[in-house]
Amino acid sequence: MNFLMRNEGTMDRVIRVILGLGLLSIVFVGPKTLWGLVGLVPLLTGLAGRCPLYTLLGIKTCPVTKRGIDA
């Protein structure tokens, strides 16, 4: 089941979660615009550990899956 394998490394995931939370804060603080909901995408992909776009492009930043082990 290749589509369920993690393809994001730890730093990639941390950056995505921080970016997602930062963008989501725009909904509640600051300009209070719904464009901040775009932050759900990096937040959810960071929490899940896999990015559908990475899968399509064949990119893997997770060292565990590079060795053929699904984490």
N, C-alpha and C. Protein backbone atom coordinates (compact mmCIF):
# COMPACT_ATOMS: atom_id res chain seq x y z
N MET A 1 0.83 -1.17 0.00
CA MET A 1 0.00 0.00 0.00
C MET A 1 0.88 1.25 0.00
N ASN A 2 1.38 1.58 -1.13
CA ASN A 2 2.30 2.69 -1.28
C ASN A 2 1.68 4.03 -0.93
N PHE A 3 0.38 4.19 -1.13
CA PHE A 3 -0.26 5.47 -0.89
C PHE A 3 -0.41 5.79 0.60
N LEU A 4 -0.18 4.82 1.48
CA LEU A 4 -0.27 5.05 2.92
C LEU A 4 1.08 5.26 3.58
N MET A 5 2.17 5.10 2.85
CA MET A 5 3.50 5.24 3.43
C MET A 5 3.82 6.70 3.71
N ARG A 6 4.54 6.93 4.79
CA ARG A 6 5.00 8.28 5.10
C ARG A 6 6.03 8.70 4.08
N ASN A 7 5.97 9.96 3.68
CA ASN A 7 6.97 10.45 2.74
C ASN A 7 7.53 11.80 3.19
N GLU A 8 7.33 12.16 4.46
CA GLU A 8 7.86 13.40 5.01
C GLU A 8 8.78 13.10 6.18
N GLY A 9 9.93 13.75 6.19
CA GLY A 9 10.86 13.62 7.29
C GLY A 9 10.43 14.47 8.48
N THR A 10 11.15 14.34 9.58
CA THR A 10 10.79 15.04 10.81
C THR A 10 10.82 16.55 10.65
N MET A 11 11.89 17.10 10.08
CA MET A 11 11.98 18.55 9.91
C MET A 11 10.90 19.06 8.96
N ASP A 12 10.63 18.32 7.92
CA ASP A 12 9.57 18.67 6.97
C ASP A 12 8.23 18.76 7.70
N ARG A 13 7.95 17.79 8.55
CA ARG A 13 6.69 17.76 9.29
C ARG A 13 6.59 18.91 10.28
N VAL A 14 7.68 19.20 10.99
CA VAL A 14 7.68 20.29 11.97
C VAL A 14 7.42 21.62 11.28
N ILE A 15 8.09 21.85 10.16
CA ILE A 15 7.91 23.10 9.41
C ILE A 15 6.47 23.22 8.92
N ARG A 16 5.90 22.13 8.44
CA ARG A 16 4.51 22.16 7.95
C ARG A 16 3.52 22.47 9.06
N VAL A 17 3.73 21.87 10.23
CA VAL A 17 2.81 22.11 11.35
C VAL A 17 2.90 23.57 11.81
N ILE A 18 4.12 24.09 11.94
CA ILE A 18 4.29 25.48 12.35
C ILE A 18 3.68 26.43 11.32
N LEU A 19 3.95 26.17 10.05
CA LEU A 19 3.39 27.00 8.98
C LEU A 19 1.86 26.93 8.98
N GLY A 20 1.32 25.74 9.13
CA GLY A 20 -0.13 25.56 9.15
C GLY A 20 -0.77 26.30 10.31
N LEU A 21 -0.18 26.20 11.50
CA LEU A 21 -0.73 26.91 12.65
C LEU A 21 -0.63 28.42 12.47
N GLY A 22 0.47 28.86 11.88
CA GLY A 22 0.64 30.29 11.61
C GLY A 22 -0.42 30.81 10.66
N LEU A 23 -0.66 30.06 9.59
CA LEU A 23 -1.68 30.48 8.63
C LEU A 23 -3.08 30.42 9.23
N LEU A 24 -3.34 29.40 10.04
CA LEU A 24 -4.66 29.30 10.68
C LEU A 24 -4.91 30.44 11.66
N SER A 25 -3.85 30.97 12.25
CA SER A 25 -4.02 32.07 13.20
C SER A 25 -4.58 33.31 12.50
N ILE A 26 -4.39 33.42 11.19
CA ILE A 26 -4.92 34.56 10.43
C ILE A 26 -6.45 34.59 10.50
N VAL A 27 -7.06 33.43 10.66
CA VAL A 27 -8.53 33.37 10.73
C VAL A 27 -9.02 34.02 12.02
N PHE A 28 -8.26 33.86 13.10
CA PHE A 28 -8.71 34.32 14.42
C PHE A 28 -8.05 35.62 14.87
N VAL A 29 -6.81 35.85 14.45
CA VAL A 29 -6.06 37.03 14.87
C VAL A 29 -5.58 37.76 13.63
N GLY A 30 -5.45 39.05 13.71
CA GLY A 30 -4.95 39.81 12.57
C GLY A 30 -6.06 40.20 11.62
N PRO A 31 -5.88 39.96 10.32
CA PRO A 31 -6.88 40.40 9.35
C PRO A 31 -8.20 39.63 9.42
N LYS A 32 -8.22 38.52 10.11
CA LYS A 32 -9.43 37.68 10.27
C LYS A 32 -10.09 37.37 8.93
N THR A 33 -9.32 36.81 8.05
CA THR A 33 -9.82 36.42 6.74
C THR A 33 -9.84 34.90 6.62
N LEU A 34 -10.74 34.39 5.83
CA LEU A 34 -10.85 32.94 5.65
C LEU A 34 -9.70 32.35 4.84
N TRP A 35 -8.87 33.20 4.23
CA TRP A 35 -7.70 32.68 3.52
C TRP A 35 -6.77 31.92 4.45
N GLY A 36 -6.88 32.16 5.73
CA GLY A 36 -6.07 31.43 6.69
C GLY A 36 -6.39 29.95 6.75
N LEU A 37 -7.57 29.57 6.25
CA LEU A 37 -7.93 28.15 6.23
C LEU A 37 -7.03 27.34 5.31
N VAL A 38 -6.30 28.02 4.46
CA VAL A 38 -5.30 27.34 3.62
C VAL A 38 -4.28 26.64 4.53
N GLY A 39 -4.13 27.12 5.74
CA GLY A 39 -3.22 26.51 6.70
C GLY A 39 -3.59 25.10 7.09
N LEU A 40 -4.81 24.69 6.82
CA LEU A 40 -5.21 23.31 7.11
C LEU A 40 -4.42 22.30 6.28
N VAL A 41 -4.06 22.69 5.08
CA VAL A 41 -3.34 21.76 4.20
C VAL A 41 -1.96 21.39 4.77
N PRO A 42 -1.07 22.37 5.06
CA PRO A 42 0.21 21.96 5.64
C PRO A 42 0.07 21.36 7.03
N LEU A 43 -0.91 21.82 7.81
CA LEU A 43 -1.10 21.27 9.15
C LEU A 43 -1.48 19.79 9.08
N LEU A 44 -2.45 19.45 8.26
CA LEU A 44 -2.90 18.06 8.17
C LEU A 44 -1.86 17.15 7.54
N THR A 45 -1.16 17.64 6.51
CA THR A 45 -0.12 16.80 5.90
C THR A 45 1.05 16.62 6.86
N GLY A 46 1.35 17.64 7.64
CA GLY A 46 2.42 17.51 8.63
C GLY A 46 2.07 16.53 9.74
N LEU A 47 0.83 16.58 10.19
CA LEU A 47 0.40 15.65 11.24
C LEU A 47 0.31 14.21 10.72
N ALA A 48 -0.12 14.05 9.48
CA ALA A 48 -0.27 12.71 8.90
C ALA A 48 1.08 12.11 8.48
N GLY A 49 2.04 12.97 8.15
CA GLY A 49 3.34 12.46 7.73
C GLY A 49 3.42 12.09 6.27
N ARG A 50 2.42 12.45 5.51
CA ARG A 50 2.47 12.17 4.07
C ARG A 50 1.82 13.30 3.30
N CYS A 51 2.38 13.56 2.14
CA CYS A 51 1.90 14.63 1.28
C CYS A 51 1.50 14.02 -0.07
N PRO A 52 0.25 14.20 -0.49
CA PRO A 52 -0.17 13.65 -1.77
C PRO A 52 0.65 14.19 -2.95
N LEU A 53 1.05 15.44 -2.88
CA LEU A 53 1.86 16.01 -3.96
C LEU A 53 3.23 15.34 -4.02
N TYR A 54 3.82 15.07 -2.86
CA TYR A 54 5.09 14.34 -2.83
C TYR A 54 4.92 12.96 -3.48
N THR A 55 3.79 12.30 -3.21
CA THR A 55 3.54 10.98 -3.79
C THR A 55 3.50 11.07 -5.31
N LEU A 56 2.79 12.07 -5.83
CA LEU A 56 2.70 12.23 -7.28
C LEU A 56 4.05 12.53 -7.92
N LEU A 57 4.88 13.31 -7.22
CA LEU A 57 6.19 13.69 -7.76
C LEU A 57 7.29 12.69 -7.42
N GLY A 58 6.99 11.71 -6.58
CA GLY A 58 7.98 10.70 -6.20
C GLY A 58 9.02 11.21 -5.23
N ILE A 59 8.67 12.22 -4.43
CA ILE A 59 9.60 12.81 -3.47
C ILE A 59 9.40 12.15 -2.11
N LYS A 60 10.51 11.84 -1.42
CA LYS A 60 10.45 11.31 -0.06
C LYS A 60 11.52 12.00 0.77
N THR A 61 11.12 12.65 1.86
CA THR A 61 12.09 13.25 2.77
C THR A 61 12.21 12.45 4.05
N CYS A 62 11.47 11.36 4.14
CA CYS A 62 11.51 10.49 5.31
C CYS A 62 12.58 9.42 5.11
N PRO A 63 13.62 9.42 5.94
CA PRO A 63 14.70 8.45 5.75
C PRO A 63 14.27 7.01 6.01
N VAL A 64 13.24 6.79 6.80
CA VAL A 64 12.79 5.43 7.11
C VAL A 64 12.19 4.77 5.88
N THR A 65 11.37 5.48 5.12
CA THR A 65 10.75 4.88 3.96
C THR A 65 11.75 4.75 2.81
N LYS A 66 12.84 5.48 2.83
CA LYS A 66 13.84 5.33 1.79
C LYS A 66 14.50 3.95 1.86
N ARG A 67 14.52 3.34 3.05
CA ARG A 67 15.11 2.02 3.22
C ARG A 67 14.10 0.92 2.96
N GLY A 68 12.87 1.29 2.61
CA GLY A 68 11.85 0.30 2.29
C GLY A 68 11.03 -0.12 3.48
N ILE A 69 11.17 0.59 4.62
CA ILE A 69 10.39 0.28 5.81
C ILE A 69 9.34 1.35 5.99
N ASP A 70 8.10 0.98 6.10
CA ASP A 70 7.03 1.94 6.30
C ASP A 70 6.91 2.26 7.79
N ALA A 71 7.03 3.54 8.11
CA ALA A 71 6.92 3.94 9.52
C ALA A 71 5.51 4.31 9.86
